[in-house]
N, C-alpha and C. Protein backbone atom coordinates (compact mmCIF):
# COMPACT_ATOMS: atom_id res chain seq x y z
N MET A 1 -32.88 -202.90 -169.21
CA MET A 1 -33.01 -201.47 -169.33
C MET A 1 -32.00 -200.75 -168.45
N LYS A 2 -31.77 -201.30 -167.26
CA LYS A 2 -30.82 -200.68 -166.34
C LYS A 2 -29.40 -200.71 -166.93
N ARG A 3 -29.08 -201.79 -167.65
CA ARG A 3 -27.76 -201.90 -168.28
C ARG A 3 -27.58 -200.78 -169.32
N LYS A 4 -28.60 -200.54 -170.14
CA LYS A 4 -28.50 -199.52 -171.18
C LYS A 4 -28.35 -198.13 -170.59
N ILE A 5 -29.10 -197.85 -169.55
CA ILE A 5 -29.01 -196.54 -168.91
C ILE A 5 -27.64 -196.36 -168.27
N THR A 6 -27.15 -197.39 -167.59
CA THR A 6 -25.83 -197.33 -166.96
C THR A 6 -24.74 -197.14 -168.00
N MET A 7 -24.83 -197.86 -169.12
CA MET A 7 -23.82 -197.72 -170.18
C MET A 7 -23.87 -196.32 -170.79
N ALA A 8 -25.08 -195.78 -170.98
CA ALA A 8 -25.20 -194.43 -171.53
C ALA A 8 -24.57 -193.40 -170.60
N ILE A 9 -24.82 -193.54 -169.31
CA ILE A 9 -24.23 -192.62 -168.33
C ILE A 9 -22.71 -192.77 -168.32
N LEU A 10 -22.23 -194.00 -168.36
CA LEU A 10 -20.78 -194.25 -168.36
C LEU A 10 -20.12 -193.64 -169.60
N ILE A 11 -20.73 -193.79 -170.75
CA ILE A 11 -20.18 -193.22 -171.98
C ILE A 11 -20.18 -191.70 -171.92
N ILE A 12 -21.24 -191.11 -171.41
CA ILE A 12 -21.30 -189.65 -171.31
C ILE A 12 -20.26 -189.13 -170.33
N VAL A 13 -20.10 -189.81 -169.19
CA VAL A 13 -19.10 -189.39 -168.21
C VAL A 13 -17.69 -189.50 -168.81
N CYS A 14 -17.41 -190.60 -169.48
CA CYS A 14 -16.08 -190.77 -170.09
C CYS A 14 -15.85 -189.77 -171.22
N THR A 15 -16.88 -189.42 -171.96
CA THR A 15 -16.76 -188.39 -172.99
C THR A 15 -16.44 -187.05 -172.36
N PHE A 16 -17.14 -186.73 -171.28
CA PHE A 16 -16.86 -185.48 -170.57
C PHE A 16 -15.43 -185.47 -170.03
N LEU A 17 -14.98 -186.60 -169.50
CA LEU A 17 -13.60 -186.68 -169.01
C LEU A 17 -12.60 -186.49 -170.14
N GLN A 18 -12.83 -187.19 -171.25
CA GLN A 18 -11.87 -187.14 -172.35
C GLN A 18 -11.84 -185.78 -173.04
N CYS A 19 -13.01 -185.22 -173.29
CA CYS A 19 -13.07 -183.96 -174.04
C CYS A 19 -13.00 -182.73 -173.14
N GLY A 20 -13.13 -182.91 -171.84
CA GLY A 20 -13.14 -181.77 -170.94
C GLY A 20 -12.06 -181.81 -169.89
N VAL A 21 -12.24 -182.67 -168.90
CA VAL A 21 -11.36 -182.70 -167.73
C VAL A 21 -9.93 -183.05 -168.09
N PHE A 22 -9.74 -184.06 -168.94
CA PHE A 22 -8.38 -184.50 -169.26
C PHE A 22 -7.63 -183.51 -170.14
N GLN A 23 -8.32 -182.48 -170.65
CA GLN A 23 -7.62 -181.43 -171.38
C GLN A 23 -6.66 -180.68 -170.45
N TRP A 24 -7.04 -180.60 -169.17
CA TRP A 24 -6.19 -179.92 -168.19
C TRP A 24 -5.17 -180.85 -167.56
N LEU A 25 -5.33 -182.14 -167.74
CA LEU A 25 -4.39 -183.11 -167.18
C LEU A 25 -3.40 -183.62 -168.23
N ARG A 26 -3.21 -182.87 -169.26
CA ARG A 26 -2.29 -183.27 -170.32
C ARG A 26 -0.85 -183.24 -169.81
N ILE A 27 -0.10 -184.20 -170.27
CA ILE A 27 1.34 -184.22 -170.02
C ILE A 27 2.00 -184.18 -171.39
N ALA A 28 2.69 -183.09 -171.69
CA ALA A 28 3.32 -182.87 -172.99
C ALA A 28 2.29 -183.01 -174.11
N SER A 29 1.13 -182.42 -173.92
CA SER A 29 -0.01 -182.43 -174.85
C SER A 29 -0.56 -183.83 -175.12
N ILE A 30 -0.33 -184.76 -174.21
CA ILE A 30 -0.85 -186.13 -174.32
C ILE A 30 -1.90 -186.32 -173.23
N LYS A 31 -3.03 -186.91 -173.60
CA LYS A 31 -4.08 -187.20 -172.62
C LYS A 31 -4.53 -188.64 -172.78
N PRO A 32 -5.03 -189.25 -171.70
CA PRO A 32 -5.50 -190.64 -171.80
C PRO A 32 -6.82 -190.70 -172.56
N ASN A 33 -7.21 -191.92 -172.90
CA ASN A 33 -8.40 -192.14 -173.71
C ASN A 33 -9.37 -193.06 -172.97
N PRO A 34 -10.21 -192.52 -172.07
CA PRO A 34 -11.12 -193.38 -171.31
C PRO A 34 -12.21 -194.04 -172.17
N LEU A 35 -12.58 -193.42 -173.28
CA LEU A 35 -13.57 -194.05 -174.16
C LEU A 35 -13.02 -195.32 -174.77
N LEU A 36 -11.75 -195.33 -175.07
CA LEU A 36 -11.12 -196.54 -175.59
C LEU A 36 -11.08 -197.63 -174.53
N ILE A 37 -10.86 -197.24 -173.28
CA ILE A 37 -10.82 -198.20 -172.18
C ILE A 37 -12.17 -198.89 -172.02
N ILE A 38 -13.26 -198.12 -172.02
CA ILE A 38 -14.56 -198.77 -171.83
C ILE A 38 -14.97 -199.57 -173.06
N THR A 39 -14.57 -199.12 -174.25
CA THR A 39 -14.88 -199.88 -175.46
C THR A 39 -14.19 -201.23 -175.44
N VAL A 40 -12.89 -201.23 -175.16
CA VAL A 40 -12.15 -202.49 -175.12
C VAL A 40 -12.62 -203.35 -173.95
N SER A 41 -12.84 -202.76 -172.80
CA SER A 41 -13.25 -203.52 -171.62
C SER A 41 -14.57 -204.23 -171.82
N PHE A 42 -15.57 -203.52 -172.33
CA PHE A 42 -16.88 -204.15 -172.50
C PHE A 42 -16.91 -205.08 -173.71
N GLY A 43 -16.07 -204.82 -174.70
CA GLY A 43 -15.93 -205.79 -175.77
C GLY A 43 -15.33 -207.08 -175.26
N LEU A 44 -14.34 -206.96 -174.41
CA LEU A 44 -13.66 -208.11 -173.83
C LEU A 44 -14.56 -208.87 -172.86
N MET A 45 -15.32 -208.15 -172.05
CA MET A 45 -16.16 -208.79 -171.04
C MET A 45 -17.50 -209.29 -171.58
N ARG A 46 -18.03 -208.66 -172.64
CA ARG A 46 -19.38 -208.98 -173.09
C ARG A 46 -19.45 -209.55 -174.51
N GLY A 47 -18.39 -209.42 -175.31
CA GLY A 47 -18.40 -209.97 -176.66
C GLY A 47 -18.40 -208.92 -177.75
N ARG A 48 -18.41 -209.40 -178.99
CA ARG A 48 -18.29 -208.52 -180.16
C ARG A 48 -19.43 -207.52 -180.29
N LYS A 49 -20.65 -207.98 -180.11
CA LYS A 49 -21.80 -207.08 -180.30
C LYS A 49 -21.79 -205.95 -179.28
N SER A 50 -21.56 -206.29 -178.02
CA SER A 50 -21.53 -205.27 -176.98
C SER A 50 -20.35 -204.31 -177.19
N GLY A 51 -19.20 -204.85 -177.57
CA GLY A 51 -18.04 -204.00 -177.83
C GLY A 51 -18.29 -203.06 -178.99
N MET A 52 -18.94 -203.59 -180.02
CA MET A 52 -19.23 -202.78 -181.20
C MET A 52 -20.23 -201.67 -180.87
N LEU A 53 -21.28 -202.00 -180.13
CA LEU A 53 -22.27 -200.98 -179.77
C LEU A 53 -21.69 -199.94 -178.82
N THR A 54 -20.93 -200.40 -177.83
CA THR A 54 -20.29 -199.46 -176.91
C THR A 54 -19.34 -198.55 -177.68
N GLY A 55 -18.55 -199.13 -178.56
CA GLY A 55 -17.61 -198.35 -179.35
C GLY A 55 -18.30 -197.35 -180.26
N PHE A 56 -19.39 -197.76 -180.89
CA PHE A 56 -20.11 -196.86 -181.78
C PHE A 56 -20.63 -195.64 -181.02
N PHE A 57 -21.30 -195.88 -179.89
CA PHE A 57 -21.87 -194.76 -179.15
C PHE A 57 -20.79 -193.91 -178.47
N ALA A 58 -19.70 -194.55 -178.03
CA ALA A 58 -18.58 -193.78 -177.46
C ALA A 58 -17.96 -192.90 -178.54
N GLY A 59 -17.75 -193.46 -179.72
CA GLY A 59 -17.19 -192.68 -180.82
C GLY A 59 -18.12 -191.58 -181.28
N LEU A 60 -19.41 -191.86 -181.29
CA LEU A 60 -20.39 -190.85 -181.69
C LEU A 60 -20.38 -189.67 -180.72
N CYS A 61 -20.32 -189.97 -179.43
CA CYS A 61 -20.22 -188.90 -178.44
C CYS A 61 -18.93 -188.11 -178.62
N CYS A 62 -17.85 -188.80 -178.90
CA CYS A 62 -16.57 -188.13 -179.14
C CYS A 62 -16.67 -187.24 -180.37
N ASP A 63 -17.32 -187.71 -181.42
CA ASP A 63 -17.53 -186.90 -182.62
C ASP A 63 -18.33 -185.64 -182.31
N LEU A 64 -19.39 -185.80 -181.55
CA LEU A 64 -20.27 -184.68 -181.26
C LEU A 64 -19.62 -183.64 -180.35
N PHE A 65 -18.84 -184.10 -179.38
CA PHE A 65 -18.23 -183.17 -178.44
C PHE A 65 -16.92 -182.57 -178.94
N SER A 66 -16.29 -183.20 -179.91
CA SER A 66 -15.03 -182.65 -180.42
C SER A 66 -15.24 -181.88 -181.72
N PHE A 67 -16.46 -181.80 -182.19
CA PHE A 67 -16.83 -181.04 -183.38
C PHE A 67 -16.04 -181.49 -184.61
N SER A 68 -15.80 -182.79 -184.70
CA SER A 68 -15.13 -183.33 -185.88
C SER A 68 -16.19 -183.91 -186.82
N THR A 69 -15.75 -184.52 -187.87
CA THR A 69 -16.66 -185.15 -188.81
C THR A 69 -17.46 -186.24 -188.10
N VAL A 70 -18.77 -186.14 -188.16
CA VAL A 70 -19.61 -187.09 -187.45
C VAL A 70 -19.47 -188.46 -188.11
N GLY A 71 -19.10 -189.43 -187.31
CA GLY A 71 -18.95 -190.79 -187.78
C GLY A 71 -17.51 -191.25 -187.85
N PHE A 72 -16.56 -190.33 -187.87
CA PHE A 72 -15.15 -190.71 -187.97
C PHE A 72 -14.71 -191.53 -186.76
N TYR A 73 -14.87 -190.96 -185.58
CA TYR A 73 -14.48 -191.68 -184.36
C TYR A 73 -15.44 -192.83 -184.06
N ALA A 74 -16.70 -192.66 -184.43
CA ALA A 74 -17.67 -193.74 -184.21
C ALA A 74 -17.25 -194.99 -184.96
N LEU A 75 -16.78 -194.84 -186.17
CA LEU A 75 -16.33 -195.99 -186.95
C LEU A 75 -15.07 -196.61 -186.36
N ILE A 76 -14.13 -195.78 -185.94
CA ILE A 76 -12.90 -196.31 -185.35
C ILE A 76 -13.18 -197.08 -184.06
N TYR A 77 -13.93 -196.46 -183.15
CA TYR A 77 -14.24 -197.11 -181.88
C TYR A 77 -15.08 -198.37 -182.08
N MET A 78 -15.99 -198.34 -183.06
CA MET A 78 -16.83 -199.50 -183.33
C MET A 78 -15.97 -200.69 -183.76
N TRP A 79 -15.02 -200.45 -184.64
CA TRP A 79 -14.14 -201.54 -185.07
C TRP A 79 -13.25 -202.03 -183.95
N ILE A 80 -12.77 -201.12 -183.12
CA ILE A 80 -11.94 -201.54 -181.99
C ILE A 80 -12.75 -202.38 -181.02
N GLY A 81 -14.00 -201.98 -180.73
CA GLY A 81 -14.86 -202.78 -179.86
C GLY A 81 -15.16 -204.14 -180.43
N TYR A 82 -15.35 -204.20 -181.74
CA TYR A 82 -15.61 -205.48 -182.41
C TYR A 82 -14.38 -206.38 -182.32
N LEU A 83 -13.21 -205.83 -182.58
CA LEU A 83 -11.98 -206.63 -182.51
C LEU A 83 -11.69 -207.09 -181.08
N ALA A 84 -11.95 -206.23 -180.09
CA ALA A 84 -11.76 -206.63 -178.69
C ALA A 84 -12.73 -207.73 -178.30
N GLY A 85 -13.92 -207.72 -178.89
CA GLY A 85 -14.91 -208.74 -178.59
C GLY A 85 -14.51 -210.13 -179.06
N HIS A 86 -13.56 -210.22 -179.97
CA HIS A 86 -13.07 -211.53 -180.41
C HIS A 86 -12.32 -212.27 -179.30
N PHE A 87 -11.84 -211.53 -178.31
CA PHE A 87 -11.10 -212.13 -177.20
C PHE A 87 -12.00 -212.49 -176.03
N TYR A 88 -13.30 -212.38 -176.22
CA TYR A 88 -14.28 -212.67 -175.17
C TYR A 88 -14.16 -214.09 -174.65
N ARG A 89 -13.93 -215.06 -175.51
CA ARG A 89 -13.87 -216.46 -175.12
C ARG A 89 -12.61 -216.83 -174.35
N ILE A 90 -11.52 -216.10 -174.53
CA ILE A 90 -10.27 -216.44 -173.85
C ILE A 90 -10.00 -215.53 -172.67
N PHE A 91 -10.99 -214.75 -172.28
CA PHE A 91 -10.84 -213.79 -171.20
C PHE A 91 -10.96 -214.49 -169.85
N TYR A 92 -10.00 -214.20 -168.96
CA TYR A 92 -10.03 -214.72 -167.60
C TYR A 92 -10.32 -213.56 -166.65
N ASP A 93 -11.25 -213.78 -165.74
CA ASP A 93 -11.72 -212.71 -164.88
C ASP A 93 -10.64 -212.10 -163.99
N ASP A 94 -9.78 -212.93 -163.45
CA ASP A 94 -8.83 -212.43 -162.45
C ASP A 94 -7.52 -211.94 -163.06
N ASP A 95 -7.38 -211.95 -164.37
CA ASP A 95 -6.14 -211.57 -165.02
C ASP A 95 -6.29 -210.20 -165.68
N ILE A 96 -5.47 -209.26 -165.28
CA ILE A 96 -5.54 -207.91 -165.84
C ILE A 96 -4.60 -207.73 -167.02
N LYS A 97 -3.74 -208.73 -167.27
CA LYS A 97 -2.77 -208.59 -168.36
C LYS A 97 -3.44 -208.54 -169.73
N THR A 98 -4.47 -209.33 -169.94
CA THR A 98 -5.16 -209.33 -171.24
C THR A 98 -5.81 -207.98 -171.53
N PRO A 99 -6.56 -207.39 -170.60
CA PRO A 99 -7.13 -206.06 -170.89
C PRO A 99 -6.05 -205.00 -171.12
N LEU A 100 -4.96 -205.06 -170.35
CA LEU A 100 -3.89 -204.07 -170.55
C LEU A 100 -3.27 -204.20 -171.93
N LEU A 101 -3.02 -205.42 -172.35
CA LEU A 101 -2.44 -205.64 -173.67
C LEU A 101 -3.40 -205.20 -174.77
N LEU A 102 -4.67 -205.53 -174.62
CA LEU A 102 -5.65 -205.14 -175.63
C LEU A 102 -5.84 -203.62 -175.70
N VAL A 103 -5.84 -202.96 -174.56
CA VAL A 103 -5.97 -201.50 -174.56
C VAL A 103 -4.74 -200.87 -175.22
N PHE A 104 -3.56 -201.41 -174.94
CA PHE A 104 -2.35 -200.88 -175.55
C PHE A 104 -2.38 -201.05 -177.07
N VAL A 105 -2.72 -202.24 -177.53
CA VAL A 105 -2.78 -202.50 -178.98
C VAL A 105 -3.89 -201.66 -179.62
N ALA A 106 -5.04 -201.56 -178.96
CA ALA A 106 -6.14 -200.76 -179.49
C ALA A 106 -5.76 -199.29 -179.59
N ASP A 107 -5.02 -198.79 -178.61
CA ASP A 107 -4.59 -197.39 -178.66
C ASP A 107 -3.57 -197.18 -179.78
N LEU A 108 -2.71 -198.16 -180.02
CA LEU A 108 -1.79 -198.07 -181.16
C LEU A 108 -2.56 -198.04 -182.48
N ILE A 109 -3.57 -198.90 -182.59
CA ILE A 109 -4.40 -198.91 -183.81
C ILE A 109 -5.14 -197.59 -183.97
N TYR A 110 -5.72 -197.12 -182.87
CA TYR A 110 -6.45 -195.86 -182.88
C TYR A 110 -5.55 -194.71 -183.32
N GLY A 111 -4.38 -194.62 -182.73
CA GLY A 111 -3.45 -193.55 -183.07
C GLY A 111 -2.98 -193.63 -184.51
N THR A 112 -2.74 -194.83 -184.98
CA THR A 112 -2.29 -195.01 -186.37
C THR A 112 -3.38 -194.63 -187.36
N VAL A 113 -4.61 -195.05 -187.10
CA VAL A 113 -5.72 -194.70 -188.00
C VAL A 113 -5.96 -193.19 -187.98
N CYS A 114 -5.90 -192.59 -186.81
CA CYS A 114 -6.06 -191.13 -186.74
C CYS A 114 -4.93 -190.43 -187.49
N TYR A 115 -3.71 -190.94 -187.38
CA TYR A 115 -2.59 -190.36 -188.12
C TYR A 115 -2.83 -190.46 -189.62
N ILE A 116 -3.25 -191.62 -190.08
CA ILE A 116 -3.45 -191.82 -191.52
C ILE A 116 -4.49 -190.85 -192.06
N PHE A 117 -5.60 -190.70 -191.38
CA PHE A 117 -6.68 -189.88 -191.92
C PHE A 117 -6.58 -188.40 -191.59
N THR A 118 -5.80 -188.03 -190.60
CA THR A 118 -5.70 -186.60 -190.28
C THR A 118 -4.37 -185.97 -190.69
N PHE A 119 -3.31 -186.74 -190.79
CA PHE A 119 -2.02 -186.17 -191.15
C PHE A 119 -1.47 -186.70 -192.47
N LEU A 120 -1.47 -188.00 -192.65
CA LEU A 120 -0.86 -188.59 -193.85
C LEU A 120 -1.55 -188.12 -195.12
N LEU A 121 -2.88 -188.06 -195.09
CA LEU A 121 -3.60 -187.62 -196.28
C LEU A 121 -3.42 -186.14 -196.57
N ARG A 122 -2.85 -185.39 -195.63
CA ARG A 122 -2.53 -183.98 -195.85
C ARG A 122 -1.07 -183.77 -196.28
N GLY A 123 -0.36 -184.88 -196.44
CA GLY A 123 1.01 -184.79 -196.92
C GLY A 123 2.08 -184.80 -195.85
N ARG A 124 1.69 -184.92 -194.61
CA ARG A 124 2.68 -184.99 -193.52
C ARG A 124 3.05 -186.45 -193.32
N ILE A 125 4.26 -186.81 -193.71
CA ILE A 125 4.61 -188.23 -193.75
C ILE A 125 5.62 -188.65 -192.69
N ASP A 126 5.82 -187.86 -191.68
CA ASP A 126 6.77 -188.21 -190.63
C ASP A 126 6.09 -189.09 -189.57
N PHE A 127 5.81 -190.33 -189.95
CA PHE A 127 5.07 -191.25 -189.08
C PHE A 127 5.84 -191.57 -187.81
N PHE A 128 7.14 -191.79 -187.89
CA PHE A 128 7.90 -192.20 -186.71
C PHE A 128 7.99 -191.08 -185.67
N PHE A 129 7.99 -189.84 -186.12
CA PHE A 129 7.92 -188.72 -185.18
C PHE A 129 6.59 -188.75 -184.43
N TYR A 130 5.50 -188.92 -185.19
CA TYR A 130 4.16 -188.98 -184.60
C TYR A 130 4.02 -190.20 -183.68
N LEU A 131 4.61 -191.32 -184.10
CA LEU A 131 4.57 -192.54 -183.29
C LEU A 131 5.27 -192.33 -181.95
N GLY A 132 6.44 -191.73 -181.98
CA GLY A 132 7.22 -191.54 -180.76
C GLY A 132 6.72 -190.43 -179.86
N ARG A 133 6.11 -189.40 -180.44
CA ARG A 133 5.67 -188.25 -179.66
C ARG A 133 4.21 -188.27 -179.25
N ILE A 134 3.38 -188.98 -180.00
CA ILE A 134 1.95 -188.96 -179.71
C ILE A 134 1.40 -190.35 -179.42
N ILE A 135 1.56 -191.29 -180.34
CA ILE A 135 0.87 -192.57 -180.25
C ILE A 135 1.33 -193.40 -179.06
N ILE A 136 2.63 -193.64 -178.94
CA ILE A 136 3.12 -194.48 -177.83
C ILE A 136 2.93 -193.81 -176.47
N PRO A 137 3.25 -192.50 -176.29
CA PRO A 137 2.97 -191.90 -174.98
C PRO A 137 1.49 -191.92 -174.60
N GLU A 138 0.60 -191.70 -175.59
CA GLU A 138 -0.83 -191.77 -175.27
C GLU A 138 -1.24 -193.18 -174.87
N ALA A 139 -0.67 -194.17 -175.54
CA ALA A 139 -0.98 -195.56 -175.18
C ALA A 139 -0.50 -195.88 -173.76
N LEU A 140 0.66 -195.39 -173.40
CA LEU A 140 1.17 -195.63 -172.04
C LEU A 140 0.33 -194.90 -171.00
N TYR A 141 -0.06 -193.68 -171.29
CA TYR A 141 -0.91 -192.90 -170.38
C TYR A 141 -2.27 -193.59 -170.21
N THR A 142 -2.80 -194.14 -171.30
CA THR A 142 -4.07 -194.85 -171.24
C THR A 142 -3.93 -196.15 -170.45
N ILE A 143 -2.79 -196.81 -170.56
CA ILE A 143 -2.54 -198.03 -169.78
C ILE A 143 -2.55 -197.72 -168.28
N ILE A 144 -1.95 -196.61 -167.90
CA ILE A 144 -1.95 -196.22 -166.48
C ILE A 144 -3.38 -196.00 -166.00
N LEU A 145 -4.19 -195.32 -166.80
CA LEU A 145 -5.59 -195.11 -166.42
C LEU A 145 -6.36 -196.44 -166.39
N THR A 146 -6.00 -197.36 -167.28
CA THR A 146 -6.64 -198.68 -167.30
C THR A 146 -6.35 -199.44 -166.01
N ILE A 147 -5.12 -199.38 -165.56
CA ILE A 147 -4.76 -200.04 -164.30
C ILE A 147 -5.60 -199.50 -163.15
N LEU A 148 -5.86 -198.21 -163.16
CA LEU A 148 -6.63 -197.59 -162.08
C LEU A 148 -8.13 -197.85 -162.17
N THR A 149 -8.66 -198.05 -163.38
CA THR A 149 -10.12 -198.12 -163.53
C THR A 149 -10.68 -199.48 -163.94
N TYR A 150 -9.84 -200.40 -164.38
CA TYR A 150 -10.37 -201.63 -164.94
C TYR A 150 -11.17 -202.44 -163.93
N ARG A 151 -10.70 -202.55 -162.71
CA ARG A 151 -11.44 -203.33 -161.69
C ARG A 151 -12.82 -202.74 -161.43
N LEU A 152 -12.93 -201.40 -161.46
CA LEU A 152 -14.24 -200.77 -161.29
C LEU A 152 -15.18 -201.16 -162.43
N LEU A 153 -14.66 -201.13 -163.66
CA LEU A 153 -15.48 -201.53 -164.81
C LEU A 153 -15.86 -203.01 -164.73
N TYR A 154 -14.94 -203.82 -164.28
CA TYR A 154 -15.21 -205.25 -164.14
C TYR A 154 -16.33 -205.50 -163.12
N HIS A 155 -16.25 -204.85 -161.96
CA HIS A 155 -17.28 -205.03 -160.94
C HIS A 155 -18.62 -204.44 -161.38
N LEU A 156 -18.59 -203.34 -162.13
CA LEU A 156 -19.81 -202.78 -162.68
C LEU A 156 -20.46 -203.78 -163.65
N ASN A 157 -19.67 -204.38 -164.50
CA ASN A 157 -20.19 -205.39 -165.43
C ASN A 157 -20.76 -206.59 -164.68
N GLN A 158 -20.08 -207.04 -163.64
CA GLN A 158 -20.58 -208.17 -162.86
C GLN A 158 -21.91 -207.85 -162.18
N SER A 159 -22.04 -206.65 -161.62
CA SER A 159 -23.29 -206.29 -160.96
C SER A 159 -24.42 -206.13 -161.96
N LEU A 160 -24.13 -205.63 -163.15
CA LEU A 160 -25.16 -205.50 -164.17
C LEU A 160 -25.56 -206.87 -164.73
N SER A 161 -24.61 -207.79 -164.78
CA SER A 161 -24.91 -209.14 -165.27
C SER A 161 -25.78 -209.93 -164.31
N LYS A 162 -25.61 -209.68 -163.02
CA LYS A 162 -26.40 -210.39 -162.02
C LYS A 162 -27.86 -209.94 -162.05
N GLU A 163 -28.09 -208.68 -162.40
CA GLU A 163 -29.45 -208.16 -162.40
C GLU A 163 -30.24 -208.56 -163.63
N CYS A 164 -29.55 -208.94 -164.71
CA CYS A 164 -30.25 -209.31 -165.95
C CYS A 164 -30.72 -210.74 -165.92
């Protein structure tokens, strides 16, 4: 029960950061994606089911706070958490390179899917402009935030695992 409450609080805090605080910390209209970080991190540390559930609820909170179509981000984050959970068996505790690589790839996937459903279907087909101006800078900004926060998430997961 403590794990569920802690995860709910973590998702709400990251949603508040992403939809609120990081709006003022934008660099060239780019902001990091902390919900993606926790989705990939817990998928990597706990497996496919945990990644999928974390991603679903993180995406649902993002949908509700950004006033977009309910379920759009929930589906994207859920799939990203599920895919990150596939790397659960090859995850090494002391190596930060795997989480950084997965967060980078997940952010590229996230940006590409968002581009397809929000811009491409409206007839805006300049993908390489969007890739260079939005997707890659956001992925790099998210990687920087991952470097700063991943150890905290790792220790939080370890302390929650010991109590269960």
